[in-house]
Amino acid sequence: MKKHQERPVLITDAATSQDAQLRSRQIRYVTMMSVRAGCLILGGVLISAKVPLLPVWLVLCALGMVFLPWAAVLIANDRPPKSKAERAADAAAREDVRLALEPHRVEEPEHITIDSEIVDEARRRGL
């Protein structure tokens, strides 16, 4: 007999790899589409068996066949939410791009304005 193997302890807060996320989403999609196929088969069996409350059961099966593909696609295309660190890194990258694309502003030197009345007054006084 094999000894019971324990799962390793997670010692990092790193995000799940892209491959693991994709695999998880694929499993959820296939599961939901299998339930949809089950609704189709169940609807066929219910019609042939003529069970009580047949319209209610058929409506539930039809809702499953219509709702599940839509939900399966949404869930399969979803990814886990970003962490605060990922959002901060994205914001910093967007700011860097914005600064790189912004035209460089050249500061113009401050121009000195000479008031002619003051100059004329100084000349008259002999300064």
C-alpha atoms as a PDB file:
ATOM      1  CA  MET A   1       0.000   0.000   0.000  1.00  0.00           C
ATOM      2  CA  LYS A   2       1.043   3.523  -0.684  1.00  0.00           C
ATOM      3  CA  LYS A   3       1.448   5.867   2.191  1.00  0.00           C
ATOM      4  CA  HIS A   4      -0.957   8.751   2.373  1.00  0.00           C
ATOM      5  CA  GLN A   5       0.746  11.731   0.764  1.00  0.00           C
ATOM      6  CA  GLU A   6      -0.037  15.174   2.036  1.00  0.00           C
ATOM      7  CA  ARG A   7      -0.344  18.149  -0.242  1.00  0.00           C
ATOM      8  CA  PRO A   8       2.516  20.623   0.030  1.00  0.00           C
ATOM      9  CA  VAL A   9       1.979  23.717   2.115  1.00  0.00           C
ATOM     10  CA  LEU A  10       1.644  26.943   0.165  1.00  0.00           C
ATOM     11  CA  ILE A  11       4.318  29.345   1.378  1.00  0.00           C
ATOM     12  CA  THR A  12       3.975  32.104  -1.209  1.00  0.00           C
ATOM     13  CA  ASP A  13       1.357  34.625  -2.137  1.00  0.00           C
ATOM     14  CA  ALA A  14       2.166  34.343  -5.831  1.00  0.00           C
ATOM     15  CA  ALA A  15      -0.791  34.177  -8.199  1.00  0.00           C
ATOM     16  CA  THR A  16      -1.889  30.888  -9.711  1.00  0.00           C
ATOM     17  CA  SER A  17      -0.144  30.201 -13.005  1.00  0.00           C
ATOM     18  CA  GLN A  18      -1.929  30.994 -16.260  1.00  0.00           C
ATOM     19  CA  ASP A  19      -1.993  27.296 -17.179  1.00  0.00           C
ATOM     20  CA  ALA A  20      -3.632  26.337 -13.878  1.00  0.00           C
ATOM     21  CA  GLN A  21      -6.217  29.115 -14.256  1.00  0.00           C
ATOM     22  CA  LEU A  22      -7.003  28.012 -17.816  1.00  0.00           C
ATOM     23  CA  ARG A  23      -7.344  24.375 -16.774  1.00  0.00           C
ATOM     24  CA  SER A  24      -9.713  25.322 -13.952  1.00  0.00           C
ATOM     25  CA  ARG A  25     -11.872  27.390 -16.310  1.00  0.00           C
ATOM     26  CA  GLN A  26     -11.939  24.547 -18.852  1.00  0.00           C
ATOM     27  CA  ILE A  27     -13.125  22.087 -16.211  1.00  0.00           C
ATOM     28  CA  ARG A  28     -15.910  24.460 -15.116  1.00  0.00           C
ATOM     29  CA  TYR A  29     -16.988  24.971 -18.738  1.00  0.00           C
ATOM     30  CA  VAL A  30     -17.119  21.250 -19.525  1.00  0.00           C
ATOM     31  CA  THR A  31     -19.014  20.579 -16.292  1.00  0.00           C
ATOM     32  CA  MET A  32     -21.639  23.213 -17.046  1.00  0.00           C
ATOM     33  CA  MET A  33     -22.063  22.048 -20.632  1.00  0.00           C
ATOM     34  CA  SER A  34     -22.451  18.463 -19.365  1.00  0.00           C
ATOM     35  CA  VAL A  35     -25.247  19.632 -17.087  1.00  0.00           C
ATOM     36  CA  ARG A  36     -26.822  21.292 -20.140  1.00  0.00           C
ATOM     37  CA  ALA A  37     -26.648  18.014 -22.067  1.00  0.00           C
ATOM     38  CA  GLY A  38     -28.204  16.328 -19.030  1.00  0.00           C
ATOM     39  CA  CYS A  39     -31.083  18.839 -19.181  1.00  0.00           C
ATOM     40  CA  LEU A  40     -31.674  17.913 -22.827  1.00  0.00           C
ATOM     41  CA  ILE A  41     -31.683  14.197 -22.097  1.00  0.00           C
ATOM     42  CA  LEU A  42     -33.880  14.658 -19.020  1.00  0.00           C
ATOM     43  CA  GLY A  43     -36.369  16.692 -21.081  1.00  0.00           C
ATOM     44  CA  GLY A  44     -36.601  13.859 -23.624  1.00  0.00           C
ATOM     45  CA  VAL A  45     -37.087  11.246 -20.898  1.00  0.00           C
ATOM     46  CA  LEU A  46     -39.741  13.355 -19.161  1.00  0.00           C
ATOM     47  CA  ILE A  47     -41.730  13.749 -22.380  1.00  0.00           C
ATOM     48  CA  SER A  48     -41.726  10.018 -23.043  1.00  0.00           C
ATOM     49  CA  ALA A  49     -42.543   9.118 -19.418  1.00  0.00           C
ATOM     50  CA  LYS A  50     -45.453  11.607 -19.156  1.00  0.00           C
ATOM     51  CA  VAL A  51     -44.724  12.600 -15.574  1.00  0.00           C
ATOM     52  CA  PRO A  52     -47.016  14.791 -13.470  1.00  0.00           C
ATOM     53  CA  LEU A  53     -46.357  18.529 -13.770  1.00  0.00           C
ATOM     54  CA  LEU A  54     -44.671  17.931 -17.129  1.00  0.00           C
ATOM     55  CA  PRO A  55     -44.834  21.605 -18.262  1.00  0.00           C
ATOM     56  CA  VAL A  56     -43.022  22.764 -15.115  1.00  0.00           C
ATOM     57  CA  TRP A  57     -40.235  20.216 -15.594  1.00  0.00           C
ATOM     58  CA  LEU A  58     -39.890  21.043 -19.270  1.00  0.00           C
ATOM     59  CA  VAL A  59     -39.638  24.757 -18.525  1.00  0.00           C
ATOM     60  CA  LEU A  60     -36.893  24.061 -15.962  1.00  0.00           C
ATOM     61  CA  CYS A  61     -35.014  21.897 -18.467  1.00  0.00           C
ATOM     62  CA  ALA A  62     -35.402  24.559 -21.171  1.00  0.00           C
ATOM     63  CA  LEU A  63     -34.128  27.274 -18.824  1.00  0.00           C
ATOM     64  CA  GLY A  64     -31.112  25.092 -18.027  1.00  0.00           C
ATOM     65  CA  MET A  65     -30.424  24.558 -21.718  1.00  0.00           C
ATOM     66  CA  VAL A  66     -30.636  28.297 -22.444  1.00  0.00           C
ATOM     67  CA  PHE A  67     -29.007  29.732 -19.308  1.00  0.00           C
ATOM     68  CA  LEU A  68     -26.108  27.303 -18.857  1.00  0.00           C
ATOM     69  CA  PRO A  69     -24.250  28.005 -22.144  1.00  0.00           C
ATOM     70  CA  TRP A  70     -24.374  31.735 -21.474  1.00  0.00           C
ATOM     71  CA  ALA A  71     -23.151  31.303 -17.893  1.00  0.00           C
ATOM     72  CA  ALA A  72     -20.504  28.766 -18.951  1.00  0.00           C
ATOM     73  CA  VAL A  73     -18.978  31.165 -21.470  1.00  0.00           C
ATOM     74  CA  LEU A  74     -18.942  34.032 -18.968  1.00  0.00           C
ATOM     75  CA  ILE A  75     -17.321  31.900 -16.291  1.00  0.00           C
ATOM     76  CA  ALA A  76     -14.828  30.336 -18.718  1.00  0.00           C
ATOM     77  CA  ASN A  77     -13.666  33.775 -19.892  1.00  0.00           C
ATOM     78  CA  ASP A  78     -13.384  35.205 -16.385  1.00  0.00           C
ATOM     79  CA  ARG A  79     -10.104  35.445 -14.541  1.00  0.00           C
ATOM     80  CA  PRO A  80      -9.445  35.885 -10.827  1.00  0.00           C
ATOM     81  CA  PRO A  81      -9.507  39.486  -9.609  1.00  0.00           C
ATOM     82  CA  LYS A  82      -6.214  41.337  -9.547  1.00  0.00           C
ATOM     83  CA  SER A  83      -4.472  41.842  -6.228  1.00  0.00           C
ATOM     84  CA  LYS A  84      -3.664  45.303  -4.904  1.00  0.00           C
ATOM     85  CA  ALA A  85      -0.044  44.856  -5.953  1.00  0.00           C
ATOM     86  CA  GLU A  86      -1.062  43.957  -9.524  1.00  0.00           C
ATOM     87  CA  ARG A  87      -3.399  46.960  -9.727  1.00  0.00           C
ATOM     88  CA  ALA A  88      -0.649  49.257  -8.398  1.00  0.00           C
ATOM     89  CA  ALA A  89       1.850  47.883 -10.929  1.00  0.00           C
ATOM     90  CA  ASP A  90      -0.658  48.384 -13.769  1.00  0.00           C
ATOM     91  CA  ALA A  91      -1.318  51.954 -12.654  1.00  0.00           C
ATOM     92  CA  ALA A  92       2.416  52.697 -12.491  1.00  0.00           C
ATOM     93  CA  ALA A  93       2.921  51.250 -15.977  1.00  0.00           C
ATOM     94  CA  ARG A  94       0.057  53.351 -17.374  1.00  0.00           C
ATOM     95  CA  GLU A  95       1.550  56.471 -15.748  1.00  0.00           C
ATOM     96  CA  ASP A  96       4.972  55.696 -17.282  1.00  0.00           C
ATOM     97  CA  VAL A  97       3.394  55.317 -20.729  1.00  0.00           C
ATOM     98  CA  ARG A  98       1.416  58.540 -20.280  1.00  0.00           C
ATOM     99  CA  LEU A  99       4.564  60.432 -19.310  1.00  0.00           C
ATOM    100  CA  ALA A 100       6.504  58.952 -22.226  1.00  0.00           C
ATOM    101  CA  LEU A 101       3.824  59.966 -24.725  1.00  0.00           C
ATOM    102  CA  GLU A 102       3.305  63.446 -23.284  1.00  0.00           C
ATOM    103  CA  PRO A 103       5.198  66.106 -25.251  1.00  0.00           C
ATOM    104  CA  HIS A 104       8.169  67.404 -23.329  1.00  0.00           C
ATOM    105  CA  ARG A 105       7.633  70.882 -22.075  1.00  0.00           C
ATOM    106  CA  VAL A 106      10.575  73.220 -22.342  1.00  0.00           C
ATOM    107  CA  GLU A 107      10.490  75.854 -19.681  1.00  0.00           C
ATOM    108  CA  GLU A 108      10.994  79.258 -21.162  1.00  0.00           C
ATOM    109  CA  PRO A 109      13.193  81.681 -19.257  1.00  0.00           C
ATOM    110  CA  GLU A 110      11.419  84.397 -17.407  1.00  0.00           C
ATOM    111  CA  HIS A 111      11.587  87.605 -19.410  1.00  0.00           C
ATOM    112  CA  ILE A 112      12.556  90.752 -17.634  1.00  0.00           C
ATOM    113  CA  THR A 113      10.207  93.625 -18.238  1.00  0.00           C
ATOM    114  CA  ILE A 114      11.645  97.091 -17.890  1.00  0.00           C
ATOM    115  CA  ASP A 115       9.175  99.776 -17.049  1.00  0.00           C
ATOM    116  CA  SER A 116      10.136 102.845 -19.120  1.00  0.00           C
ATOM    117  CA  GLU A 117       8.666 105.314 -16.641  1.00  0.00           C
ATOM    118  CA  ILE A 118      10.988 104.088 -13.896  1.00  0.00           C
ATOM    119  CA  VAL A 119      13.997 104.327 -16.221  1.00  0.00           C
ATOM    120  CA  ASP A 120      13.050 107.860 -17.258  1.00  0.00           C
ATOM    121  CA  GLU A 121      12.617 108.860 -13.592  1.00  0.00           C
ATOM    122  CA  ALA A 122      16.063 107.425 -12.726  1.00  0.00           C
ATOM    123  CA  ARG A 123      17.674 109.296 -15.602  1.00  0.00           C
ATOM    124  CA  ARG A 124      16.198 112.575 -14.460  1.00  0.00           C
ATOM    125  CA  ARG A 125      17.532 112.069 -10.969  1.00  0.00           C
ATOM    126  CA  GLY A 126      20.934 111.191 -12.335  1.00  0.00           C
ATOM    127  CA  LEU A 127      21.099 107.678 -11.104  1.00  0.00           C
END
